[in-house]
Amino acid sequence: MRKTAALILIPVLAAALAGCGQRAQLTVKQGEQLPPAPYGRAVQPKAAELLTPPTLAIPERSVELRTRSEDRGDDPYDLPPPE
């Protein structure tokens, strides 16, 4: 009975712990500084700018997904393991 309760309780507690977190804005700690401005940029970026990913970091999918099963083509790199 105790093993069953422990097996149920542990994942529930782990899920509850994983779900909690701080929901406040991120700020720089007192006495700390943001990283220096990148080379060629006169103004040091704010914390919100550093947390916003650039467009290149989130590329759009450019590959058409397959909608049905198809035979794969010949793969020249599919070699047998070395002996």
PDB file of N, CA and C in Angstrom:
ATOM      1  N   MET A   1       0.823  -1.191   0.000  1.00  0.00           N
ATOM      2  CA  MET A   1       0.000   0.000   0.000  1.00  0.00           C
ATOM      3  C   MET A   1       0.875   1.265   0.000  1.00  0.00           C
ATOM      4  N   ARG A   2       1.949   1.252   0.807  1.00  0.00           N
ATOM      5  CA  ARG A   2       2.813   2.426   0.876  1.00  0.00           C
ATOM      6  C   ARG A   2       3.577   2.623  -0.436  1.00  0.00           C
ATOM      7  N   LYS A   3       3.989   1.531  -1.052  1.00  0.00           N
ATOM      8  CA  LYS A   3       4.713   1.651  -2.318  1.00  0.00           C
ATOM      9  C   LYS A   3       3.813   2.243  -3.393  1.00  0.00           C
ATOM     10  N   THR A   4       2.560   1.813  -3.411  1.00  0.00           N
ATOM     11  CA  THR A   4       1.611   2.338  -4.396  1.00  0.00           C
ATOM     12  C   THR A   4       1.381   3.827  -4.164  1.00  0.00           C
ATOM     13  N   ALA A   5       1.204   4.208  -2.888  1.00  0.00           N
ATOM     14  CA  ALA A   5       0.999   5.626  -2.576  1.00  0.00           C
ATOM     15  C   ALA A   5       2.223   6.435  -2.965  1.00  0.00           C
ATOM     16  N   ALA A   6       3.416   5.906  -2.707  1.00  0.00           N
ATOM     17  CA  ALA A   6       4.642   6.621  -3.055  1.00  0.00           C
ATOM     18  C   ALA A   6       4.791   6.742  -4.570  1.00  0.00           C
ATOM     19  N   LEU A   7       4.436   5.679  -5.287  1.00  0.00           N
ATOM     20  CA  LEU A   7       4.535   5.721  -6.751  1.00  0.00           C
ATOM     21  C   LEU A   7       3.571   6.733  -7.355  1.00  0.00           C
ATOM     22  N   ILE A   8       2.479   6.988  -6.694  1.00  0.00           N
ATOM     23  CA  ILE A   8       1.507   7.973  -7.180  1.00  0.00           C
ATOM     24  C   ILE A   8       1.898   9.371  -6.706  1.00  0.00           C
ATOM     25  N   LEU A   9       2.345   9.467  -5.460  1.00  0.00           N
ATOM     26  CA  LEU A   9       2.634  10.772  -4.871  1.00  0.00           C
ATOM     27  C   LEU A   9       3.873  11.433  -5.469  1.00  0.00           C
ATOM     28  N   ILE A  10       4.901  10.680  -5.756  1.00  0.00           N
ATOM     29  CA  ILE A  10       6.147  11.259  -6.271  1.00  0.00           C
ATOM     30  C   ILE A  10       5.942  11.963  -7.612  1.00  0.00           C
ATOM     31  N   PRO A  11       5.297  11.337  -8.625  1.00  0.00           N
ATOM     32  CA  PRO A  11       5.086  12.077  -9.883  1.00  0.00           C
ATOM     33  C   PRO A  11       4.169  13.284  -9.724  1.00  0.00           C
ATOM     34  N   VAL A  12       3.181  13.187  -8.829  1.00  0.00           N
ATOM     35  CA  VAL A  12       2.284  14.328  -8.610  1.00  0.00           C
ATOM     36  C   VAL A  12       3.059  15.492  -8.010  1.00  0.00           C
ATOM     37  N   LEU A  13       3.908  15.218  -7.027  1.00  0.00           N
ATOM     38  CA  LEU A  13       4.718  16.278  -6.432  1.00  0.00           C
ATOM     39  C   LEU A  13       5.731  16.847  -7.428  1.00  0.00           C
ATOM     40  N   ALA A  14       6.302  15.991  -8.249  1.00  0.00           N
ATOM     41  CA  ALA A  14       7.250  16.465  -9.262  1.00  0.00           C
ATOM     42  C   ALA A  14       6.555  17.371 -10.280  1.00  0.00           C
ATOM     43  N   ALA A  15       5.346  17.002 -10.681  1.00  0.00           N
ATOM     44  CA  ALA A  15       4.598  17.833 -11.635  1.00  0.00           C
ATOM     45  C   ALA A  15       4.213  19.163 -10.999  1.00  0.00           C
ATOM     46  N   ALA A  16       3.830  19.139  -9.732  1.00  0.00           N
ATOM     47  CA  ALA A  16       3.471  20.385  -9.046  1.00  0.00           C
ATOM     48  C   ALA A  16       4.684  21.297  -8.906  1.00  0.00           C
ATOM     49  N   LEU A  17       5.823  20.713  -8.586  1.00  0.00           N
ATOM     50  CA  LEU A  17       7.049  21.499  -8.450  1.00  0.00           C
ATOM     51  C   LEU A  17       7.480  22.071  -9.797  1.00  0.00           C
ATOM     52  N   ALA A  18       7.332  21.308 -10.863  1.00  0.00           N
ATOM     53  CA  ALA A  18       7.720  21.791 -12.188  1.00  0.00           C
ATOM     54  C   ALA A  18       6.792  22.897 -12.667  1.00  0.00           C
ATOM     55  N   GLY A  19       5.571  22.917 -12.187  1.00  0.00           N
ATOM     56  CA  GLY A  19       4.602  23.917 -12.629  1.00  0.00           C
ATOM     57  C   GLY A  19       4.747  25.255 -11.945  1.00  0.00           C
ATOM     58  N   CYS A  20       5.437  25.303 -10.811  1.00  0.00           N
ATOM     59  CA  CYS A  20       5.552  26.574 -10.110  1.00  0.00           C
ATOM     60  C   CYS A  20       6.742  27.343 -10.654  1.00  0.00           C
ATOM     61  N   GLY A  21       6.657  28.626 -10.571  1.00  0.00           N
ATOM     62  CA  GLY A  21       7.751  29.459 -11.062  1.00  0.00           C
ATOM     63  C   GLY A  21       7.432  30.922 -10.862  1.00  0.00           C
ATOM     64  N   GLN A  22       8.418  31.748 -11.017  1.00  0.00           N
ATOM     65  CA  GLN A  22       8.219  33.173 -10.841  1.00  0.00           C
ATOM     66  C   GLN A  22       7.607  33.751 -12.103  1.00  0.00           C
ATOM     67  N   ARG A  23       6.623  34.578 -11.929  1.00  0.00           N
ATOM     68  CA  ARG A  23       5.952  35.177 -13.074  1.00  0.00           C
ATOM     69  C   ARG A  23       6.188  36.684 -13.153  1.00  0.00           C
ATOM     70  N   ALA A  24       7.157  37.193 -12.420  1.00  0.00           N
ATOM     71  CA  ALA A  24       7.469  38.619 -12.445  1.00  0.00           C
ATOM     72  C   ALA A  24       8.442  38.901 -13.584  1.00  0.00           C
ATOM     73  N   GLN A  25       8.558  40.171 -13.920  1.00  0.00           N
ATOM     74  CA  GLN A  25       9.502  40.583 -14.951  1.00  0.00           C
ATOM     75  C   GLN A  25      10.917  40.322 -14.483  1.00  0.00           C
ATOM     76  N   LEU A  26      11.788  39.938 -15.380  1.00  0.00           N
ATOM     77  CA  LEU A  26      13.190  39.742 -15.047  1.00  0.00           C
ATOM     78  C   LEU A  26      13.880  41.096 -14.976  1.00  0.00           C
ATOM     79  N   THR A  27      14.658  41.275 -13.957  1.00  0.00           N
ATOM     80  CA  THR A  27      15.407  42.521 -13.794  1.00  0.00           C
ATOM     81  C   THR A  27      16.833  42.170 -13.403  1.00  0.00           C
ATOM     82  N   VAL A  28      17.692  43.164 -13.503  1.00  0.00           N
ATOM     83  CA  VAL A  28      19.089  42.996 -13.126  1.00  0.00           C
ATOM     84  C   VAL A  28      19.172  43.116 -11.609  1.00  0.00           C
ATOM     85  N   LYS A  29      19.930  42.224 -10.969  1.00  0.00           N
ATOM     86  CA  LYS A  29      20.096  42.287  -9.525  1.00  0.00           C
ATOM     87  C   LYS A  29      20.806  43.576  -9.135  1.00  0.00           C
ATOM     88  N   GLN A  30      20.530  44.007  -7.929  1.00  0.00           N
ATOM     89  CA  GLN A  30      21.155  45.227  -7.438  1.00  0.00           C
ATOM     90  C   GLN A  30      22.666  45.014  -7.334  1.00  0.00           C
ATOM     91  N   GLY A  31      23.415  45.940  -7.886  1.00  0.00           N
ATOM     92  CA  GLY A  31      24.871  45.837  -7.886  1.00  0.00           C
ATOM     93  C   GLY A  31      25.422  45.121  -9.112  1.00  0.00           C
ATOM     94  N   GLU A  32      24.583  44.489  -9.923  1.00  0.00           N
ATOM     95  CA  GLU A  32      25.003  43.799 -11.140  1.00  0.00           C
ATOM     96  C   GLU A  32      24.788  44.719 -12.341  1.00  0.00           C
ATOM     97  N   GLN A  33      25.387  44.368 -13.472  1.00  0.00           N
ATOM     98  CA  GLN A  33      25.219  45.142 -14.697  1.00  0.00           C
ATOM     99  C   GLN A  33      24.890  44.208 -15.849  1.00  0.00           C
ATOM    100  N   LEU A  34      24.258  44.764 -16.849  1.00  0.00           N
ATOM    101  CA  LEU A  34      24.014  44.009 -18.072  1.00  0.00           C
ATOM    102  C   LEU A  34      25.334  43.841 -18.817  1.00  0.00           C
ATOM    103  N   PRO A  35      25.412  42.885 -19.738  1.00  0.00           N
ATOM    104  CA  PRO A  35      26.646  42.747 -20.516  1.00  0.00           C
ATOM    105  C   PRO A  35      26.929  44.012 -21.322  1.00  0.00           C
ATOM    106  N   PRO A  36      28.171  44.246 -21.695  1.00  0.00           N
ATOM    107  CA  PRO A  36      28.498  45.463 -22.448  1.00  0.00           C
ATOM    108  C   PRO A  36      27.819  45.472 -23.815  1.00  0.00           C
ATOM    109  N   ALA A  37      27.722  46.659 -24.372  1.00  0.00           N
ATOM    110  CA  ALA A  37      27.099  46.817 -25.686  1.00  0.00           C
ATOM    111  C   ALA A  37      27.901  46.059 -26.734  1.00  0.00           C
ATOM    112  N   PRO A  38      27.222  45.426 -27.705  1.00  0.00           N
ATOM    113  CA  PRO A  38      27.947  44.716 -28.765  1.00  0.00           C
ATOM    114  C   PRO A  38      28.815  45.672 -29.575  1.00  0.00           C
ATOM    115  N   TYR A  39      29.832  45.117 -30.207  1.00  0.00           N
ATOM    116  CA  TYR A  39      30.749  45.913 -31.017  1.00  0.00           C
ATOM    117  C   TYR A  39      29.973  46.625 -32.120  1.00  0.00           C
ATOM    118  N   GLY A  40      30.176  47.908 -32.233  1.00  0.00           N
ATOM    119  CA  GLY A  40      29.534  48.687 -33.275  1.00  0.00           C
ATOM    120  C   GLY A  40      28.199  49.285 -32.854  1.00  0.00           C
ATOM    121  N   ARG A  41      27.747  49.006 -31.664  1.00  0.00           N
ATOM    122  CA  ARG A  41      26.484  49.558 -31.198  1.00  0.00           C
ATOM    123  C   ARG A  41      26.773  50.565 -30.101  1.00  0.00           C
ATOM    124  N   ALA A  42      26.251  51.781 -30.244  1.00  0.00           N
ATOM    125  CA  ALA A  42      26.570  52.851 -29.302  1.00  0.00           C
ATOM    126  C   ALA A  42      25.790  52.713 -27.998  1.00  0.00           C
ATOM    127  N   VAL A  43      24.571  52.173 -28.066  1.00  0.00           N
ATOM    128  CA  VAL A  43      23.710  52.115 -26.895  1.00  0.00           C
ATOM    129  C   VAL A  43      23.679  50.679 -26.353  1.00  0.00           C
ATOM    130  N   GLN A  44      23.787  50.543 -25.028  1.00  0.00           N
ATOM    131  CA  GLN A  44      23.693  49.224 -24.417  1.00  0.00           C
ATOM    132  C   GLN A  44      22.233  48.766 -24.445  1.00  0.00           C
ATOM    133  N   PRO A  45      21.946  47.547 -24.930  1.00  0.00           N
ATOM    134  CA  PRO A  45      20.559  47.088 -24.993  1.00  0.00           C
ATOM    135  C   PRO A  45      19.971  46.873 -23.600  1.00  0.00           C
ATOM    136  N   LYS A  46      18.671  47.094 -23.485  1.00  0.00           N
ATOM    137  CA  LYS A  46      17.958  46.871 -22.223  1.00  0.00           C
ATOM    138  C   LYS A  46      17.732  45.372 -22.042  1.00  0.00           C
ATOM    139  N   ALA A  47      17.323  44.970 -20.848  1.00  0.00           N
ATOM    140  CA  ALA A  47      17.112  43.558 -20.538  1.00  0.00           C
ATOM    141  C   ALA A  47      16.021  42.952 -21.445  1.00  0.00           C
ATOM    142  N   ALA A  48      14.952  43.695 -21.706  1.00  0.00           N
ATOM    143  CA  ALA A  48      13.874  43.184 -22.547  1.00  0.00           C
ATOM    144  C   ALA A  48      14.357  42.935 -23.975  1.00  0.00           C
ATOM    145  N   GLU A  49      15.231  43.789 -24.469  1.00  0.00           N
ATOM    146  CA  GLU A  49      15.774  43.603 -25.820  1.00  0.00           C
ATOM    147  C   GLU A  49      16.650  42.360 -25.895  1.00  0.00           C
ATOM    148  N   LEU A  50      17.398  42.096 -24.809  1.00  0.00           N
ATOM    149  CA  LEU A  50      18.263  40.916 -24.808  1.00  0.00           C
ATOM    150  C   LEU A  50      17.452  39.623 -24.728  1.00  0.00           C
ATOM    151  N   LEU A  51      16.272  39.678 -24.125  1.00  0.00           N
ATOM    152  CA  LEU A  51      15.439  38.481 -23.988  1.00  0.00           C
ATOM    153  C   LEU A  51      14.585  38.213 -25.218  1.00  0.00           C
ATOM    154  N   THR A  52      14.438  39.202 -26.103  1.00  0.00           N
ATOM    155  CA  THR A  52      13.643  39.022 -27.313  1.00  0.00           C
ATOM    156  C   THR A  52      14.528  38.386 -28.389  1.00  0.00           C
ATOM    157  N   PRO A  53      14.183  37.169 -28.853  1.00  0.00           N
ATOM    158  CA  PRO A  53      15.038  36.519 -29.858  1.00  0.00           C
ATOM    159  C   PRO A  53      14.947  37.242 -31.203  1.00  0.00           C
ATOM    160  N   PRO A  54      16.059  37.341 -31.916  1.00  0.00           N
ATOM    161  CA  PRO A  54      16.020  37.975 -33.233  1.00  0.00           C
ATOM    162  C   PRO A  54      15.254  37.101 -34.233  1.00  0.00           C
ATOM    163  N   THR A  55      14.905  37.686 -35.351  1.00  0.00           N
ATOM    164  CA  THR A  55      14.130  36.974 -36.355  1.00  0.00           C
ATOM    165  C   THR A  55      14.846  35.729 -36.853  1.00  0.00           C
ATOM    166  N   LEU A  56      16.161  35.785 -36.982  1.00  0.00           N
ATOM    167  CA  LEU A  56      16.908  34.631 -37.464  1.00  0.00           C
ATOM    168  C   LEU A  56      16.891  33.467 -36.479  1.00  0.00           C
ATOM    169  N   ALA A  57      16.630  33.743 -35.206  1.00  0.00           N
ATOM    170  CA  ALA A  57      16.606  32.682 -34.211  1.00  0.00           C
ATOM    171  C   ALA A  57      15.308  31.880 -34.271  1.00  0.00           C
ATOM    172  N   ILE A  58      14.292  32.412 -34.919  1.00  0.00           N
ATOM    173  CA  ILE A  58      13.006  31.725 -35.032  1.00  0.00           C
ATOM    174  C   ILE A  58      12.642  31.632 -36.513  1.00  0.00           C
ATOM    175  N   PRO A  59      13.336  30.810 -37.275  1.00  0.00           N
ATOM    176  CA  PRO A  59      13.040  30.740 -38.705  1.00  0.00           C
ATOM    177  C   PRO A  59      11.718  30.033 -38.964  1.00  0.00           C
ATOM    178  N   GLU A  60      11.101  30.396 -40.043  1.00  0.00           N
ATOM    179  CA  GLU A  60       9.872  29.715 -40.449  1.00  0.00           C
ATOM    180  C   GLU A  60      10.234  28.405 -41.126  1.00  0.00           C
ATOM    181  N   ARG A  61       9.337  27.466 -41.070  1.00  0.00           N
ATOM    182  CA  ARG A  61       9.583  26.172 -41.696  1.00  0.00           C
ATOM    183  C   ARG A  61       9.539  26.354 -43.218  1.00  0.00           C
ATOM    184  N   SER A  62      10.596  25.923 -43.875  1.00  0.00           N
ATOM    185  CA  SER A  62      10.660  26.081 -45.321  1.00  0.00           C
ATOM    186  C   SER A  62      10.564  24.734 -46.034  1.00  0.00           C
ATOM    187  N   VAL A  63      10.333  23.682 -45.278  1.00  0.00           N
ATOM    188  CA  VAL A  63      10.280  22.354 -45.855  1.00  0.00           C
ATOM    189  C   VAL A  63       8.829  21.885 -45.868  1.00  0.00           C
ATOM    190  N   GLU A  64       8.409  21.356 -46.971  1.00  0.00           N
ATOM    191  CA  GLU A  64       7.045  20.843 -47.055  1.00  0.00           C
ATOM    192  C   GLU A  64       6.987  19.491 -46.346  1.00  0.00           C
ATOM    193  N   LEU A  65       6.040  19.359 -45.438  1.00  0.00           N
ATOM    194  CA  LEU A  65       5.916  18.117 -44.701  1.00  0.00           C
ATOM    195  C   LEU A  65       5.318  17.030 -45.579  1.00  0.00           C
ATOM    196  N   ARG A  66       5.719  15.813 -45.329  1.00  0.00           N
ATOM    197  CA  ARG A  66       5.160  14.692 -46.081  1.00  0.00           C
ATOM    198  C   ARG A  66       3.823  14.312 -45.477  1.00  0.00           C
ATOM    199  N   THR A  67       2.858  14.065 -46.328  1.00  0.00           N
ATOM    200  CA  THR A  67       1.522  13.731 -45.844  1.00  0.00           C
ATOM    201  C   THR A  67       1.223  12.248 -45.958  1.00  0.00           C
ATOM    202  N   ARG A  68       2.092  11.498 -46.624  1.00  0.00           N
ATOM    203  CA  ARG A  68       1.869  10.056 -46.740  1.00  0.00           C
ATOM    204  C   ARG A  68       3.225   9.361 -46.771  1.00  0.00           C
ATOM    205  N   SER A  69       3.198   8.057 -46.549  1.00  0.00           N
ATOM    206  CA  SER A  69       4.444   7.298 -46.541  1.00  0.00           C
ATOM    207  C   SER A  69       5.018   7.205 -47.946  1.00  0.00           C
ATOM    208  N   GLU A  70       6.316   7.371 -48.028  1.00  0.00           N
ATOM    209  CA  GLU A  70       7.021   7.253 -49.305  1.00  0.00           C
ATOM    210  C   GLU A  70       8.316   6.497 -49.068  1.00  0.00           C
ATOM    211  N   ASP A  71       8.780   5.790 -50.082  1.00  0.00           N
ATOM    212  CA  ASP A  71      10.063   5.109 -49.985  1.00  0.00           C
ATOM    213  C   ASP A  71      11.171   6.150 -49.963  1.00  0.00           C
ATOM    214  N   ARG A  72      12.161   5.894 -49.118  1.00  0.00           N
ATOM    215  CA  ARG A  72      13.287   6.819 -49.053  1.00  0.00           C
ATOM    216  C   ARG A  72      14.207   6.601 -50.232  1.00  0.00           C
ATOM    217  N   GLY A  73      14.853   7.658 -50.645  1.00  0.00           N
ATOM    218  CA  GLY A  73      15.818   7.571 -51.730  1.00  0.00           C
ATOM    219  C   GLY A  73      17.114   6.955 -51.237  1.00  0.00           C
ATOM    220  N   ASP A  74      18.020   6.735 -52.143  1.00  0.00           N
ATOM    221  CA  ASP A  74      19.310   6.157 -51.801  1.00  0.00           C
ATOM    222  C   ASP A  74      20.101   7.139 -50.942  1.00  0.00           C
ATOM    223  N   ASP A  75      20.671   6.644 -49.841  1.00  0.00           N
ATOM    224  CA  ASP A  75      21.462   7.467 -48.940  1.00  0.00           C
ATOM    225  C   ASP A  75      22.923   7.067 -49.070  1.00  0.00           C
ATOM    226  N   PRO A  76      23.758   7.921 -49.651  1.00  0.00           N
ATOM    227  CA  PRO A  76      25.166   7.553 -49.833  1.00  0.00           C
ATOM    228  C   PRO A  76      25.932   7.457 -48.515  1.00  0.00           C
ATOM    229  N   TYR A  77      25.405   7.992 -47.431  1.00  0.00           N
ATOM    230  CA  TYR A  77      26.091   7.952 -46.146  1.00  0.00           C
ATOM    231  C   TYR A  77      25.622   6.784 -45.278  1.00  0.00           C
ATOM    232  N   ASP A  78      24.721   5.967 -45.765  1.00  0.00           N
ATOM    233  CA  ASP A  78      24.253   4.806 -45.010  1.00  0.00           C
ATOM    234  C   ASP A  78      25.242   3.666 -45.234  1.00  0.00           C
ATOM    235  N   LEU A  79      26.333   3.687 -44.498  1.00  0.00           N
ATOM    236  CA  LEU A  79      27.410   2.713 -44.695  1.00  0.00           C
ATOM    237  C   LEU A  79      27.379   1.675 -43.580  1.00  0.00           C
ATOM    238  N   PRO A  80      27.881   0.488 -43.869  1.00  0.00           N
ATOM    239  CA  PRO A  80      27.946  -0.519 -42.796  1.00  0.00           C
ATOM    240  C   PRO A  80      29.010  -0.120 -41.775  1.00  0.00           C
ATOM    241  N   PRO A  81      28.872  -0.613 -40.539  1.00  0.00           N
ATOM    242  CA  PRO A  81      29.873  -0.253 -39.513  1.00  0.00           C
ATOM    243  C   PRO A  81      31.246  -0.805 -39.879  1.00  0.00           C
ATOM    244  N   PRO A  82      32.299  -0.104 -39.445  1.00  0.00           N
ATOM    245  CA  PRO A  82      33.666  -0.586 -39.769  1.00  0.00           C
ATOM    246  C   PRO A  82      33.950  -1.874 -39.006  1.00  0.00           C
ATOM    247  N   GLU A  83      34.775  -2.680 -39.595  1.00  0.00           N
ATOM    248  CA  GLU A  83      35.109  -3.968 -38.965  1.00  0.00           C
ATOM    249  C   GLU A  83      36.315  -3.857 -38.088  1.00  0.00           C
TER     250      GLU A  83
END
